[in-house]
Amino acid sequence: MKQILIRADDLGYSRAVNYGIYDAIYNGIINNVGVMVNMPATEQGLDLLKNEDIDFGMHTDITNGKPVLSSEQIPSLVDEHGNFKRSKIYRDNYGKQDFTNLDEVVAEIDAQYHRFLDLVGKKPDYFEGHAVMSDNFIKGLHIVAEKYDLPILDFAFDNQPVSFKKETRFSPYMESMNPNYDPEKVFLTILKHDDEKAIPMMICHPGYLDQYILNTSSLTIPRTQEVDFAMNPKIREIIEKEQIHLVRYSECK
């Protein structure tokens, strides 16, 4: 049986994103969702999904909204307004000395992990980070994962396979930032994936659009495209016809 893992990132980013993720799960095919625990809409998003049989991951965030810790505790991560420094600042500084303080990064990730436990009531089924170009952020994720024995999923660079737990390897597919993006075409490409040692992993960011997303995210229309893709009866028919197993992180070894 062919296996594909499809996940949704960014639960909590905004109310509109939450409703899009809900549709992609309840009326669609997605069964893994990454939670941004620091955002004002996080609890509303989790409430929408409280009856869904899905895996919850910790989508660790240090570029959107306010931190879990006070800004005084992590000054290298925040701007003059106490908000996380945006991802553009990380991109502009990549290749230079990392401006983040590793101890502060670890402290915030640790605080977000305990916030996840409070909100979800269990350890995350997978543990990873919202894309940030920072070596200290990657180091911090590994430090906290080792401290609490969490199933870390590393960043995927240049579409290279990534390891998960002891035996699983994933081949990542995240094309939403590409021009002329079409999630259905990406999915059909994944169907041709022939590496038996690595499970194809389609990383999505489904969501509807509200003013907060339009103000703060460069990823807009692809979010709505991915909601439609996940709810498309044609996609579900293909999955059933081809006997595709939609993998959950919790079942991986």
C-alpha atoms as a PDB file:
ATOM      1  CA  MET A   1       0.000   0.000   0.000  1.00  0.00           C
ATOM      2  CA  LYS A   2       1.361   3.413  -0.965  1.00  0.00           C
ATOM      3  CA  GLN A   3       1.902   5.819   1.913  1.00  0.00           C
ATOM      4  CA  ILE A   4       1.718   9.617   1.915  1.00  0.00           C
ATOM      5  CA  LEU A   5       1.818  11.997   4.869  1.00  0.00           C
ATOM      6  CA  ILE A   6      -0.044  15.292   4.485  1.00  0.00           C
ATOM      7  CA  ARG A   7       0.120  17.877   7.214  1.00  0.00           C
ATOM      8  CA  ALA A   8      -1.241  21.350   7.914  1.00  0.00           C
ATOM      9  CA  ASP A   9       0.970  23.963   9.578  1.00  0.00           C
ATOM     10  CA  ASP A  10       0.013  27.158  11.423  1.00  0.00           C
ATOM     11  CA  LEU A  11      -3.028  26.323  13.569  1.00  0.00           C
ATOM     12  CA  GLY A  12      -3.529  29.408  15.720  1.00  0.00           C
ATOM     13  CA  TYR A  13      -2.039  31.890  13.266  1.00  0.00           C
ATOM     14  CA  SER A  14      -5.422  33.597  12.855  1.00  0.00           C
ATOM     15  CA  ARG A  15      -9.117  32.777  13.093  1.00  0.00           C
ATOM     16  CA  ALA A  16      -9.444  32.536   9.302  1.00  0.00           C
ATOM     17  CA  VAL A  17      -6.492  30.144   9.103  1.00  0.00           C
ATOM     18  CA  ASN A  18      -8.100  28.035  11.840  1.00  0.00           C
ATOM     19  CA  TYR A  19     -11.371  27.746   9.925  1.00  0.00           C
ATOM     20  CA  GLY A  20      -9.507  26.756   6.778  1.00  0.00           C
ATOM     21  CA  ILE A  21      -7.574  24.071   8.634  1.00  0.00           C
ATOM     22  CA  TYR A  22     -10.822  22.841  10.161  1.00  0.00           C
ATOM     23  CA  ASP A  23     -12.361  22.439   6.692  1.00  0.00           C
ATOM     24  CA  ALA A  24      -9.221  20.712   5.408  1.00  0.00           C
ATOM     25  CA  ILE A  25      -9.567  18.179   8.250  1.00  0.00           C
ATOM     26  CA  TYR A  26     -13.296  17.766   8.877  1.00  0.00           C
ATOM     27  CA  ASN A  27     -14.310  17.994   5.220  1.00  0.00           C
ATOM     28  CA  GLY A  28     -10.964  16.921   3.782  1.00  0.00           C
ATOM     29  CA  ILE A  29      -8.067  14.521   4.001  1.00  0.00           C
ATOM     30  CA  ILE A  30      -5.554  16.097   6.397  1.00  0.00           C
ATOM     31  CA  ASN A  31      -4.860  14.272   9.665  1.00  0.00           C
ATOM     32  CA  ASN A  32      -1.759  16.016  11.059  1.00  0.00           C
ATOM     33  CA  VAL A  33      -1.759  19.625  12.248  1.00  0.00           C
ATOM     34  CA  GLY A  34       0.993  21.815  13.697  1.00  0.00           C
ATOM     35  CA  VAL A  35       0.018  24.157  16.522  1.00  0.00           C
ATOM     36  CA  MET A  36       1.495  27.633  17.078  1.00  0.00           C
ATOM     37  CA  VAL A  37       0.941  27.897  20.821  1.00  0.00           C
ATOM     38  CA  ASN A  38       1.799  31.588  21.265  1.00  0.00           C
ATOM     39  CA  MET A  39      -0.882  33.158  19.092  1.00  0.00           C
ATOM     40  CA  PRO A  40      -4.152  34.779  20.267  1.00  0.00           C
ATOM     41  CA  ALA A  41      -6.257  32.448  18.072  1.00  0.00           C
ATOM     42  CA  THR A  42      -4.625  29.200  19.252  1.00  0.00           C
ATOM     43  CA  GLU A  43      -7.308  28.197  21.749  1.00  0.00           C
ATOM     44  CA  GLN A  44     -10.078  28.944  19.248  1.00  0.00           C
ATOM     45  CA  GLY A  45      -8.344  26.713  16.698  1.00  0.00           C
ATOM     46  CA  LEU A  46      -7.907  23.857  19.140  1.00  0.00           C
ATOM     47  CA  ASP A  47     -11.555  24.168  20.171  1.00  0.00           C
ATOM     48  CA  LEU A  48     -12.601  23.748  16.529  1.00  0.00           C
ATOM     49  CA  LEU A  49     -10.621  20.490  16.356  1.00  0.00           C
ATOM     50  CA  LYS A  50     -11.397  19.091  19.787  1.00  0.00           C
ATOM     51  CA  ASN A  51     -13.476  16.214  18.385  1.00  0.00           C
ATOM     52  CA  GLU A  52     -11.186  15.335  15.473  1.00  0.00           C
ATOM     53  CA  ASP A  53      -9.097  12.173  15.463  1.00  0.00           C
ATOM     54  CA  ILE A  54      -5.817  13.721  14.296  1.00  0.00           C
ATOM     55  CA  ASP A  55      -2.205  14.128  15.340  1.00  0.00           C
ATOM     56  CA  PHE A  56      -1.121  17.399  16.926  1.00  0.00           C
ATOM     57  CA  GLY A  57       2.412  18.652  16.467  1.00  0.00           C
ATOM     58  CA  MET A  58       4.178  21.586  18.060  1.00  0.00           C
ATOM     59  CA  HIS A  59       4.906  24.093  15.307  1.00  0.00           C
ATOM     60  CA  THR A  60       7.437  26.127  17.289  1.00  0.00           C
ATOM     61  CA  ASP A  61       7.234  29.800  16.375  1.00  0.00           C
ATOM     62  CA  ILE A  62       9.712  32.641  16.951  1.00  0.00           C
ATOM     63  CA  THR A  63       8.687  34.994  14.103  1.00  0.00           C
ATOM     64  CA  ASN A  64       4.976  35.720  14.601  1.00  0.00           C
ATOM     65  CA  GLY A  65       3.093  37.403  17.426  1.00  0.00           C
ATOM     66  CA  LYS A  66       4.338  37.707  20.967  1.00  0.00           C
ATOM     67  CA  PRO A  67       6.439  35.162  22.854  1.00  0.00           C
ATOM     68  CA  VAL A  68       5.214  33.000  25.706  1.00  0.00           C
ATOM     69  CA  LEU A  69       7.946  34.451  27.919  1.00  0.00           C
ATOM     70  CA  SER A  70       8.135  38.158  28.657  1.00  0.00           C
ATOM     71  CA  SER A  71      10.123  40.215  26.180  1.00  0.00           C
ATOM     72  CA  GLU A  72      12.525  41.157  28.989  1.00  0.00           C
ATOM     73  CA  GLN A  73      13.520  37.499  29.305  1.00  0.00           C
ATOM     74  CA  ILE A  74      14.376  37.067  25.621  1.00  0.00           C
ATOM     75  CA  PRO A  75      15.499  40.474  24.277  1.00  0.00           C
ATOM     76  CA  SER A  76      17.403  39.039  21.287  1.00  0.00           C
ATOM     77  CA  LEU A  77      14.188  37.547  19.853  1.00  0.00           C
ATOM     78  CA  VAL A  78      11.854  40.548  20.013  1.00  0.00           C
ATOM     79  CA  ASP A  79      11.481  44.015  18.541  1.00  0.00           C
ATOM     80  CA  GLU A  80      10.849  47.306  20.318  1.00  0.00           C
ATOM     81  CA  HIS A  81       7.138  46.452  20.607  1.00  0.00           C
ATOM     82  CA  GLY A  82       7.719  43.092  22.303  1.00  0.00           C
ATOM     83  CA  ASN A  83       6.758  41.102  19.188  1.00  0.00           C
ATOM     84  CA  PHE A  84       8.927  38.404  17.690  1.00  0.00           C
ATOM     85  CA  LYS A  85      11.322  39.673  15.038  1.00  0.00           C
ATOM     86  CA  ARG A  86       9.880  38.794  11.655  1.00  0.00           C
ATOM     87  CA  SER A  87      11.261  36.108   9.362  1.00  0.00           C
ATOM     88  CA  LYS A  88      12.544  38.748   6.907  1.00  0.00           C
ATOM     89  CA  ILE A  89      15.024  39.914   9.534  1.00  0.00           C
ATOM     90  CA  TYR A  90      16.323  36.360   9.841  1.00  0.00           C
ATOM     91  CA  ARG A  91      16.589  36.014   6.064  1.00  0.00           C
ATOM     92  CA  ASP A  92      18.424  39.326   5.748  1.00  0.00           C
ATOM     93  CA  ASN A  93      20.922  38.315   8.438  1.00  0.00           C
ATOM     94  CA  TYR A  94      21.483  34.705   7.410  1.00  0.00           C
ATOM     95  CA  GLY A  95      25.153  33.989   6.757  1.00  0.00           C
ATOM     96  CA  LYS A  96      26.168  36.583   9.319  1.00  0.00           C
ATOM     97  CA  GLN A  97      26.599  35.996  13.048  1.00  0.00           C
ATOM     98  CA  ASP A  98      23.334  34.709  14.518  1.00  0.00           C
ATOM     99  CA  PHE A  99      21.766  37.588  16.446  1.00  0.00           C
ATOM    100  CA  THR A 100      19.699  35.265  18.625  1.00  0.00           C
ATOM    101  CA  ASN A 101      20.983  34.207  22.029  1.00  0.00           C
ATOM    102  CA  LEU A 102      20.941  30.412  22.304  1.00  0.00           C
ATOM    103  CA  ASP A 103      19.964  30.413  25.996  1.00  0.00           C
ATOM    104  CA  GLU A 104      17.039  32.729  25.229  1.00  0.00           C
ATOM    105  CA  VAL A 105      15.977  30.572  22.278  1.00  0.00           C
ATOM    106  CA  VAL A 106      16.016  27.442  24.440  1.00  0.00           C
ATOM    107  CA  ALA A 107      14.059  29.188  27.207  1.00  0.00           C
ATOM    108  CA  GLU A 108      11.294  30.296  24.805  1.00  0.00           C
ATOM    109  CA  ILE A 109      11.045  26.888  23.111  1.00  0.00           C
ATOM    110  CA  ASP A 110      10.858  25.251  26.549  1.00  0.00           C
ATOM    111  CA  ALA A 111       8.082  27.660  27.559  1.00  0.00           C
ATOM    112  CA  GLN A 112       6.182  26.959  24.335  1.00  0.00           C
ATOM    113  CA  TYR A 113       6.472  23.223  24.973  1.00  0.00           C
ATOM    114  CA  HIS A 114       4.887  23.601  28.414  1.00  0.00           C
ATOM    115  CA  ARG A 115       2.213  25.820  26.907  1.00  0.00           C
ATOM    116  CA  PHE A 116       1.514  23.017  24.403  1.00  0.00           C
ATOM    117  CA  LEU A 117       1.108  20.546  27.273  1.00  0.00           C
ATOM    118  CA  ASP A 118      -1.349  22.901  28.977  1.00  0.00           C
ATOM    119  CA  LEU A 119      -3.394  23.403  25.796  1.00  0.00           C
ATOM    120  CA  VAL A 120      -3.377  19.918  24.270  1.00  0.00           C
ATOM    121  CA  GLY A 121      -2.955  17.804  27.379  1.00  0.00           C
ATOM    122  CA  LYS A 122      -0.242  15.514  26.013  1.00  0.00           C
ATOM    123  CA  LYS A 123       3.168  15.538  24.382  1.00  0.00           C
ATOM    124  CA  PRO A 124       3.223  16.544  20.708  1.00  0.00           C
ATOM    125  CA  ASP A 125       3.008  13.747  18.163  1.00  0.00           C
ATOM    126  CA  TYR A 126       5.804  15.557  16.336  1.00  0.00           C
ATOM    127  CA  PHE A 127       8.011  18.489  17.250  1.00  0.00           C
ATOM    128  CA  GLU A 128       9.368  20.953  14.699  1.00  0.00           C
ATOM    129  CA  GLY A 129       9.826  24.592  13.890  1.00  0.00           C
ATOM    130  CA  HIS A 130       8.156  27.310  11.839  1.00  0.00           C
ATOM    131  CA  ALA A 131      10.755  28.053   9.149  1.00  0.00           C
ATOM    132  CA  VAL A 132      13.451  30.362  10.501  1.00  0.00           C
ATOM    133  CA  MET A 133      16.928  30.897   9.109  1.00  0.00           C
ATOM    134  CA  SER A 134      18.747  30.679  12.442  1.00  0.00           C
ATOM    135  CA  ASP A 135      21.306  28.099  13.500  1.00  0.00           C
ATOM    136  CA  ASN A 136      20.569  28.776  17.163  1.00  0.00           C
ATOM    137  CA  PHE A 137      16.872  28.079  16.620  1.00  0.00           C
ATOM    138  CA  ILE A 138      17.695  24.667  15.152  1.00  0.00           C
ATOM    139  CA  LYS A 139      20.113  23.977  18.007  1.00  0.00           C
ATOM    140  CA  GLY A 140      17.471  25.057  20.518  1.00  0.00           C
ATOM    141  CA  LEU A 141      14.880  22.699  19.064  1.00  0.00           C
ATOM    142  CA  HIS A 142      17.293  19.785  19.432  1.00  0.00           C
ATOM    143  CA  ILE A 143      18.199  20.750  22.997  1.00  0.00           C
ATOM    144  CA  VAL A 144      14.562  20.874  24.109  1.00  0.00           C
ATOM    145  CA  ALA A 145      13.677  17.714  22.177  1.00  0.00           C
ATOM    146  CA  GLU A 146      16.460  15.807  23.881  1.00  0.00           C
ATOM    147  CA  LYS A 147      15.536  17.211  27.301  1.00  0.00           C
ATOM    148  CA  TYR A 148      11.939  15.973  27.082  1.00  0.00           C
ATOM    149  CA  ASP A 149      12.392  13.020  24.705  1.00  0.00           C
ATOM    150  CA  LEU A 150      10.280  14.596  21.944  1.00  0.00           C
ATOM    151  CA  PRO A 151       9.926  13.214  18.390  1.00  0.00           C
ATOM    152  CA  ILE A 152      11.783  15.956  16.532  1.00  0.00           C
ATOM    153  CA  LEU A 153      11.370  16.471  12.819  1.00  0.00           C
ATOM    154  CA  ASP A 154      14.281  18.426  11.402  1.00  0.00           C
ATOM    155  CA  PHE A 155      14.056  21.115   8.763  1.00  0.00           C
ATOM    156  CA  ALA A 156      14.246  19.833   5.219  1.00  0.00           C
ATOM    157  CA  PHE A 157      16.753  21.628   3.009  1.00  0.00           C
ATOM    158  CA  ASP A 158      16.906  21.246  -0.781  1.00  0.00           C
ATOM    159  CA  ASN A 159      14.195  18.563  -0.623  1.00  0.00           C
ATOM    160  CA  GLN A 160      16.615  16.122   0.946  1.00  0.00           C
ATOM    161  CA  PRO A 161      15.064  13.235   2.951  1.00  0.00           C
ATOM    162  CA  VAL A 162      14.797  13.782   6.702  1.00  0.00           C
ATOM    163  CA  SER A 163      14.812  11.210   9.481  1.00  0.00           C
ATOM    164  CA  PHE A 164      12.078  10.867  12.084  1.00  0.00           C
ATOM    165  CA  LYS A 165      12.184   8.711  15.202  1.00  0.00           C
ATOM    166  CA  LYS A 166      14.353   5.616  14.716  1.00  0.00           C
ATOM    167  CA  GLU A 167      13.227   4.049  11.453  1.00  0.00           C
ATOM    168  CA  THR A 168      11.191   6.571   9.426  1.00  0.00           C
ATOM    169  CA  ARG A 169      12.449   8.798   6.632  1.00  0.00           C
ATOM    170  CA  PHE A 170      10.397  11.439   4.850  1.00  0.00           C
ATOM    171  CA  SER A 171      10.833  13.060   1.451  1.00  0.00           C
ATOM    172  CA  PRO A 172       9.433  16.585   1.904  1.00  0.00           C
ATOM    173  CA  TYR A 173       7.297  18.385  -0.645  1.00  0.00           C
ATOM    174  CA  MET A 174       6.536  22.051   0.074  1.00  0.00           C
ATOM    175  CA  GLU A 175       5.898  24.004  -3.100  1.00  0.00           C
ATOM    176  CA  SER A 176       3.465  26.667  -1.896  1.00  0.00           C
ATOM    177  CA  MET A 177       5.930  29.550  -2.322  1.00  0.00           C
ATOM    178  CA  ASN A 178       6.588  28.672  -5.954  1.00  0.00           C
ATOM    179  CA  PRO A 179       5.004  30.647  -8.816  1.00  0.00           C
ATOM    180  CA  ASN A 180       1.927  29.034 -10.393  1.00  0.00           C
ATOM    181  CA  TYR A 181       1.542  26.736  -7.410  1.00  0.00           C
ATOM    182  CA  ASP A 182      -1.082  24.022  -7.801  1.00  0.00           C
ATOM    183  CA  PRO A 183      -1.408  21.630  -4.840  1.00  0.00           C
ATOM    184  CA  GLU A 184      -3.256  19.056  -6.951  1.00  0.00           C
ATOM    185  CA  LYS A 185      -0.313  18.868  -9.367  1.00  0.00           C
ATOM    186  CA  VAL A 186       2.076  18.467  -6.442  1.00  0.00           C
ATOM    187  CA  PHE A 187      -0.060  15.640  -5.085  1.00  0.00           C
ATOM    188  CA  LEU A 188      -0.131  13.892  -8.462  1.00  0.00           C
ATOM    189  CA  THR A 189       3.649  14.236  -8.638  1.00  0.00           C
ATOM    190  CA  ILE A 190       3.918  12.658  -5.207  1.00  0.00           C
ATOM    191  CA  LEU A 191       1.942   9.666  -6.476  1.00  0.00           C
ATOM    192  CA  LYS A 192       4.893   8.940  -8.775  1.00  0.00           C
ATOM    193  CA  HIS A 193       7.324   8.965  -5.841  1.00  0.00           C
ATOM    194  CA  ASP A 194       9.247   5.697  -6.046  1.00  0.00           C
ATOM    195  CA  ASP A 195      11.680   5.806  -3.110  1.00  0.00           C
ATOM    196  CA  GLU A 196      10.468   2.922  -0.977  1.00  0.00           C
ATOM    197  CA  LYS A 197      12.769   3.963   1.877  1.00  0.00           C
ATOM    198  CA  ALA A 198      11.205   7.400   2.326  1.00  0.00           C
ATOM    199  CA  ILE A 199       7.554   8.385   2.791  1.00  0.00           C
ATOM    200  CA  PRO A 200       6.541  11.451   0.755  1.00  0.00           C
ATOM    201  CA  MET A 201       5.514  14.278   3.098  1.00  0.00           C
ATOM    202  CA  MET A 202       3.351  17.066   1.689  1.00  0.00           C
ATOM    203  CA  ILE A 203       3.622  20.172   3.866  1.00  0.00           C
ATOM    204  CA  CYS A 204       0.574  22.423   3.521  1.00  0.00           C
ATOM    205  CA  HIS A 205      -0.599  25.691   5.066  1.00  0.00           C
ATOM    206  CA  PRO A 206      -4.356  25.595   4.448  1.00  0.00           C
ATOM    207  CA  GLY A 207      -6.402  28.530   5.607  1.00  0.00           C
ATOM    208  CA  TYR A 208      -8.840  31.252   4.722  1.00  0.00           C
ATOM    209  CA  LEU A 209      -7.759  34.896   4.657  1.00  0.00           C
ATOM    210  CA  ASP A 210      -8.484  37.641   7.131  1.00  0.00           C
ATOM    211  CA  GLN A 211      -6.893  41.042   7.668  1.00  0.00           C
ATOM    212  CA  TYR A 212      -4.326  39.690  10.122  1.00  0.00           C
ATOM    213  CA  ILE A 213      -2.985  37.170   7.592  1.00  0.00           C
ATOM    214  CA  LEU A 214      -2.957  39.784   4.837  1.00  0.00           C
ATOM    215  CA  ASN A 215      -0.999  42.137   7.112  1.00  0.00           C
ATOM    216  CA  THR A 216       1.551  39.632   8.409  1.00  0.00           C
ATOM    217  CA  SER A 217       2.072  36.775   5.940  1.00  0.00           C
ATOM    218  CA  SER A 218       3.506  36.595   2.434  1.00  0.00           C
ATOM    219  CA  LEU A 219       1.666  33.292   1.989  1.00  0.00           C
ATOM    220  CA  THR A 220      -1.943  34.090   1.097  1.00  0.00           C
ATOM    221  CA  ILE A 221      -3.667  32.595  -1.980  1.00  0.00           C
ATOM    222  CA  PRO A 222      -1.879  29.214  -1.667  1.00  0.00           C
ATOM    223  CA  ARG A 223      -3.579  28.780   1.700  1.00  0.00           C
ATOM    224  CA  THR A 224      -7.036  28.907   0.131  1.00  0.00           C
ATOM    225  CA  GLN A 225      -5.871  26.679  -2.734  1.00  0.00           C
ATOM    226  CA  GLU A 226      -4.810  24.045  -0.224  1.00  0.00           C
ATOM    227  CA  VAL A 227      -8.180  24.117   1.539  1.00  0.00           C
ATOM    228  CA  ASP A 228      -9.874  23.452  -1.798  1.00  0.00           C
ATOM    229  CA  PHE A 229      -7.360  20.718  -2.595  1.00  0.00           C
ATOM    230  CA  ALA A 230      -7.925  18.955   0.723  1.00  0.00           C
ATOM    231  CA  MET A 231     -11.722  19.032   0.289  1.00  0.00           C
ATOM    232  CA  ASN A 232     -11.710  18.085  -3.399  1.00  0.00           C
ATOM    233  CA  PRO A 233     -13.776  14.864  -3.909  1.00  0.00           C
ATOM    234  CA  LYS A 234     -11.498  14.001  -6.843  1.00  0.00           C
ATOM    235  CA  ILE A 235      -8.499  13.776  -4.490  1.00  0.00           C
ATOM    236  CA  ARG A 236     -10.382  11.559  -2.075  1.00  0.00           C
ATOM    237  CA  GLU A 237     -11.430   9.311  -4.970  1.00  0.00           C
ATOM    238  CA  ILE A 238      -7.803   8.947  -6.046  1.00  0.00           C
ATOM    239  CA  ILE A 239      -6.766   8.064  -2.500  1.00  0.00           C
ATOM    240  CA  GLU A 240      -9.450   5.393  -2.269  1.00  0.00           C
ATOM    241  CA  LYS A 241      -8.864   4.017  -5.768  1.00  0.00           C
ATOM    242  CA  GLU A 242      -5.093   3.828  -5.346  1.00  0.00           C
ATOM    243  CA  GLN A 243      -5.470   2.495  -1.775  1.00  0.00           C
ATOM    244  CA  ILE A 244      -3.225   5.209  -0.397  1.00  0.00           C
ATOM    245  CA  HIS A 245      -2.620   5.184   3.342  1.00  0.00           C
ATOM    246  CA  LEU A 246      -2.580   8.691   4.835  1.00  0.00           C
ATOM    247  CA  VAL A 247       0.169   8.430   7.412  1.00  0.00           C
ATOM    248  CA  ARG A 248       0.063   9.985  10.880  1.00  0.00           C
ATOM    249  CA  TYR A 249       3.274  10.912  12.683  1.00  0.00           C
ATOM    250  CA  SER A 250       2.177   8.968  15.765  1.00  0.00           C
ATOM    251  CA  GLU A 251       2.189   5.673  13.893  1.00  0.00           C
ATOM    252  CA  CYS A 252       5.760   6.069  12.669  1.00  0.00           C
ATOM    253  CA  LYS A 253       8.576   4.116  14.298  1.00  0.00           C
END
